[in-house]
Protein backbone atom coordinates (compact mmCIF):
# COMPACT_ATOMS: atom_id res chain seq x y z
CA UNK A 1 130.68 3.18 130.58
CA UNK A 2 132.52 2.39 133.87
CA UNK A 3 136.06 1.36 134.04
CA UNK A 4 137.09 -0.84 136.97
CA UNK A 5 140.20 -2.98 137.61
CA UNK A 6 139.67 -6.73 138.40
CA UNK A 7 141.02 -5.93 142.14
CA UNK A 8 138.34 -3.51 142.47
CA UNK A 9 135.41 -5.78 141.74
CA UNK A 10 135.32 -6.78 145.36
CA UNK A 11 134.36 -3.25 146.49
CA UNK A 12 131.20 -3.37 144.40
CA UNK A 13 129.78 -6.54 145.80
CA UNK A 14 131.21 -7.80 148.96
CA UNK A 15 131.64 -6.73 152.67
CA UNK A 16 135.01 -6.09 154.23
CA UNK A 17 136.67 -9.32 155.07
CA UNK A 18 137.77 -7.78 158.19
CA UNK A 19 134.52 -6.80 159.46
CA UNK A 20 133.19 -8.74 162.60
CA UNK A 21 129.87 -8.49 160.73
CA UNK A 22 130.82 -10.58 157.65
CA UNK A 23 128.82 -13.62 157.06
CA UNK A 24 129.07 -15.49 153.86
CA UNK A 25 125.70 -17.07 154.30
CA UNK A 26 124.07 -13.80 154.86
CA UNK A 27 126.04 -12.21 152.16
CA UNK A 28 124.85 -14.80 149.55
CA UNK A 29 121.09 -13.85 150.62
CA UNK A 30 121.65 -10.31 149.66
CA UNK A 31 123.57 -10.74 146.45
CA UNK A 32 122.36 -14.19 145.24
CA UNK A 33 125.96 -15.37 144.85
CA UNK A 34 128.15 -18.09 146.19
CA UNK A 35 129.15 -18.23 149.73
CA UNK A 36 132.57 -16.45 149.11
CA UNK A 37 133.76 -12.85 148.68
CA UNK A 38 134.46 -11.88 145.02
CA UNK A 39 137.50 -11.83 143.18
CA UNK A 40 140.43 -10.00 144.92
CA UNK A 41 143.90 -11.14 144.16
CA UNK A 42 145.53 -9.66 147.36
CA UNK A 43 142.87 -11.40 149.40
CA UNK A 44 143.36 -14.82 147.76
CA UNK A 45 146.98 -14.85 147.09
CA UNK A 46 148.51 -13.21 150.36
CA UNK A 47 145.96 -13.04 153.16
CA UNK A 48 143.77 -16.06 152.68
CA UNK A 49 141.45 -16.51 155.74
CA UNK A 50 139.19 -19.44 156.27
CA UNK A 51 135.87 -17.86 156.41
CA UNK A 52 133.08 -20.20 156.93
CA UNK A 53 129.28 -19.98 157.61
CA UNK A 54 129.81 -20.65 161.09
CA UNK A 55 130.95 -17.20 161.75
CA UNK A 56 127.49 -15.69 162.25
CA UNK A 57 126.34 -12.47 164.14
CA UNK A 58 126.85 -12.18 167.90
CA UNK A 59 125.15 -9.03 168.75
CA UNK A 60 122.58 -6.34 167.85
CA UNK A 61 125.56 -4.01 166.72
CA UNK A 62 126.87 -6.69 164.18
CA UNK A 63 123.44 -7.24 162.81
CA UNK A 64 123.01 -3.11 162.24
CA UNK A 65 126.33 -3.16 160.77
CA UNK A 66 125.61 -5.93 158.25
CA UNK A 67 122.43 -4.20 157.53
CA UNK A 68 124.17 -0.87 156.80
CA UNK A 69 126.85 -2.65 154.52
CA UNK A 70 124.10 -4.65 152.83
CA UNK A 71 122.24 -1.39 152.00
CA UNK A 72 125.47 0.05 150.52
CA UNK A 73 125.93 -3.05 148.34
CA UNK A 74 122.35 -2.94 147.12
CA UNK A 75 122.66 0.62 146.12
CA UNK A 76 125.99 0.00 144.36
CA UNK A 77 124.43 -2.90 142.36
CA UNK A 78 121.56 -1.00 141.52
CA UNK A 79 123.40 2.03 140.19
CA UNK A 80 125.35 -0.38 137.94
CA UNK A 81 122.44 -2.43 136.55
CA UNK A 82 121.97 -2.15 132.78
CA UNK A 83 125.32 -0.28 132.73
CA UNK A 84 128.35 -1.42 130.67
CA UNK A 85 131.45 -1.70 132.95
CA UNK A 86 135.05 -2.18 131.52
CA UNK A 87 137.17 -4.56 133.51
CA UNK A 88 140.92 -4.53 133.12
CA UNK A 89 142.43 -7.96 133.65
CA UNK A 90 146.02 -8.84 133.51
CA UNK A 91 149.52 -9.28 135.18
CA UNK A 92 150.11 -11.91 137.99
CA UNK A 93 146.30 -12.15 138.47
CA UNK A 94 146.44 -14.10 135.22
CA UNK A 95 149.04 -16.73 136.36
CA UNK A 96 147.25 -18.52 138.87
CA UNK A 97 144.45 -21.08 137.68
CA UNK A 98 142.53 -20.67 140.86
CA UNK A 99 142.45 -16.84 140.46
CA UNK A 100 141.58 -17.26 136.93
CA UNK A 101 138.59 -19.39 137.67
CA UNK A 102 137.44 -17.09 140.55
CA UNK A 103 137.82 -14.07 138.03
CA UNK A 104 135.55 -15.82 135.58
CA UNK A 105 132.87 -16.79 138.17
CA UNK A 106 132.80 -13.11 139.26
CA UNK A 107 132.37 -11.80 135.73
CA UNK A 108 129.36 -14.25 135.41
CA UNK A 109 127.87 -13.08 138.73
CA UNK A 110 128.21 -9.31 137.58
CA UNK A 111 126.17 -10.31 134.39
CA UNK A 112 123.56 -11.97 136.53
CA UNK A 113 123.16 -8.90 138.34
CA UNK A 114 122.31 -7.04 135.33
CA UNK A 115 125.66 -5.60 134.26
CA UNK A 116 127.02 -5.71 130.83
CA UNK A 117 130.63 -6.52 131.05
CA UNK A 118 133.60 -5.87 128.78
CA UNK A 119 136.92 -7.60 129.88
CA UNK A 120 140.11 -6.22 128.55
CA UNK A 121 142.92 -8.39 129.09
CA UNK A 122 146.67 -8.61 128.80
CA UNK A 123 148.88 -11.51 128.67
CA UNK A 124 152.63 -10.37 129.43
CA UNK A 125 153.77 -13.34 131.41
CA UNK A 126 152.24 -15.50 128.72
CA UNK A 127 153.73 -13.81 125.77
CA UNK A 128 157.25 -13.84 127.55
CA UNK A 129 157.09 -17.47 128.16
CA UNK A 130 156.09 -18.13 124.63
CA UNK A 131 158.96 -16.04 123.29
CA UNK A 132 161.42 -17.65 125.45
CA UNK A 133 160.09 -21.11 124.21
CA UNK A 134 160.41 -20.34 120.45
CA UNK A 135 163.71 -18.36 120.93
CA UNK A 136 162.45 -14.83 119.81
CA UNK A 137 164.20 -11.98 121.49
CA UNK A 138 162.26 -9.32 122.99
CA UNK A 139 163.30 -6.01 124.50
CA UNK A 140 161.85 -3.14 126.41
CA UNK A 141 162.56 0.54 125.88
CA UNK A 142 161.15 3.13 128.26
CA UNK A 143 158.96 0.53 130.01
CA UNK A 144 157.47 -0.27 126.54
CA UNK A 145 157.99 -3.68 124.60
CA UNK A 146 159.66 -3.01 121.26
CA UNK A 147 157.38 -5.22 118.91
CA UNK A 148 159.07 -6.60 115.79
CA UNK A 149 156.92 -8.69 113.36
CA UNK A 150 158.49 -11.69 115.08
CA UNK A 151 157.12 -10.58 118.45
CA UNK A 152 153.67 -9.43 117.18
CA UNK A 153 153.42 -12.98 115.62
CA UNK A 154 153.95 -14.67 118.74
CA UNK A 155 151.86 -12.18 120.84
CA UNK A 156 148.87 -12.58 118.34
CA UNK A 157 149.17 -16.43 118.66
CA UNK A 158 149.18 -16.09 122.59
CA UNK A 159 146.63 -13.44 123.15
CA UNK A 160 144.10 -14.33 120.60
CA UNK A 161 144.49 -18.06 120.28
CA UNK A 162 144.94 -19.03 124.09
CA UNK A 163 144.49 -16.23 126.58
CA UNK A 164 141.30 -14.75 125.06
CA UNK A 165 139.67 -18.01 124.55
CA UNK A 166 140.62 -19.46 127.93
CA UNK A 167 138.92 -16.34 129.39
CA UNK A 168 135.74 -16.44 127.32
CA UNK A 169 135.50 -20.10 127.98
CA UNK A 170 135.94 -19.85 131.54
CA UNK A 171 133.23 -17.17 131.93
CA UNK A 172 130.76 -19.59 129.87
CA UNK A 173 131.63 -22.38 132.18
CA UNK A 174 130.73 -20.33 135.08
CA UNK A 175 127.37 -19.57 133.71
CA UNK A 176 127.98 -16.46 132.02
CA UNK A 177 128.15 -15.44 128.35
CA UNK A 178 131.25 -14.37 126.53
CA UNK A 179 132.38 -13.74 123.06
CA UNK A 180 136.22 -13.29 122.60
CA UNK A 181 137.31 -10.75 120.16
CA UNK A 182 140.40 -9.03 118.96
CA UNK A 183 141.09 -5.70 117.31
CA UNK A 184 141.67 -7.41 114.17
CA UNK A 185 138.03 -8.72 113.92
CA UNK A 186 136.10 -6.78 111.52
CA UNK A 187 138.55 -3.85 111.90
CA UNK A 188 137.31 -3.44 115.59
CA UNK A 189 140.17 -1.35 116.39
CA UNK A 190 142.33 0.99 114.58
CA UNK A 191 145.25 2.70 115.70
CA UNK A 192 148.14 5.15 114.56
CA UNK A 193 151.83 4.40 115.17
CA UNK A 194 152.96 5.21 118.73
CA UNK A 195 156.55 6.31 119.36
CA UNK A 196 158.31 6.30 122.82
CA UNK A 197 161.02 8.19 124.59
CA UNK A 198 160.53 11.39 126.22
CA UNK A 199 160.77 13.30 122.93
CA UNK A 200 158.77 10.71 120.98
CA UNK A 201 161.66 9.70 118.74
CA UNK A 202 161.85 6.04 119.90
CA UNK A 203 160.55 3.66 117.55
CA UNK A 204 158.80 0.71 119.02
CA UNK A 205 158.05 -1.26 116.02
CA UNK A 206 154.60 -2.30 115.59
CA UNK A 207 153.14 -0.52 118.43
CA UNK A 208 150.25 1.72 118.17
CA UNK A 209 147.67 4.10 119.90
CA UNK A 210 144.08 2.96 119.63
CA UNK A 211 142.24 5.87 117.74
CA UNK A 212 138.97 4.13 116.76
């Protein structure tokens, strides 16, 4: 099983966007995907370039560079085919509808290339917004959220009832397959109580370390 983050999906399937040999039309021929690089929050949110199919190869050096890059991509795809990869998805990458859509499309693409994808997601910004909306106080100790029963109830509502279903639904709409699950389903995940602080004496409430 391979663990990658959402921001590293790009390195599996796409050419460098700074390469003079980059051509979305040629790229799509090799990977059988749409004419765009795969999901990359930093690329889409901070340095979005207008790359079109008109940017073709101008020299034999460019063609050689593309061929080399294409071979590297093909090798990476081949090594991951029929493998289970775990994608960690969370943070600010979840707050943009555009990035969320692109992420779901990329997961569907990975599936079509023969990979079994497990998405493990967070939803901190959404939880915080809902806590504020319903007036439930939340605090952090040592960088970890202290989870009271009230906080857990809100977090469960947001993560299981909203975020999880939007992600799985988005993947299906993009042509992939997805089933949204949470740790409570059929006892999928079990945990032991986790304490915080340097000496392990800080009670974080309903926070646990996954054991099974």
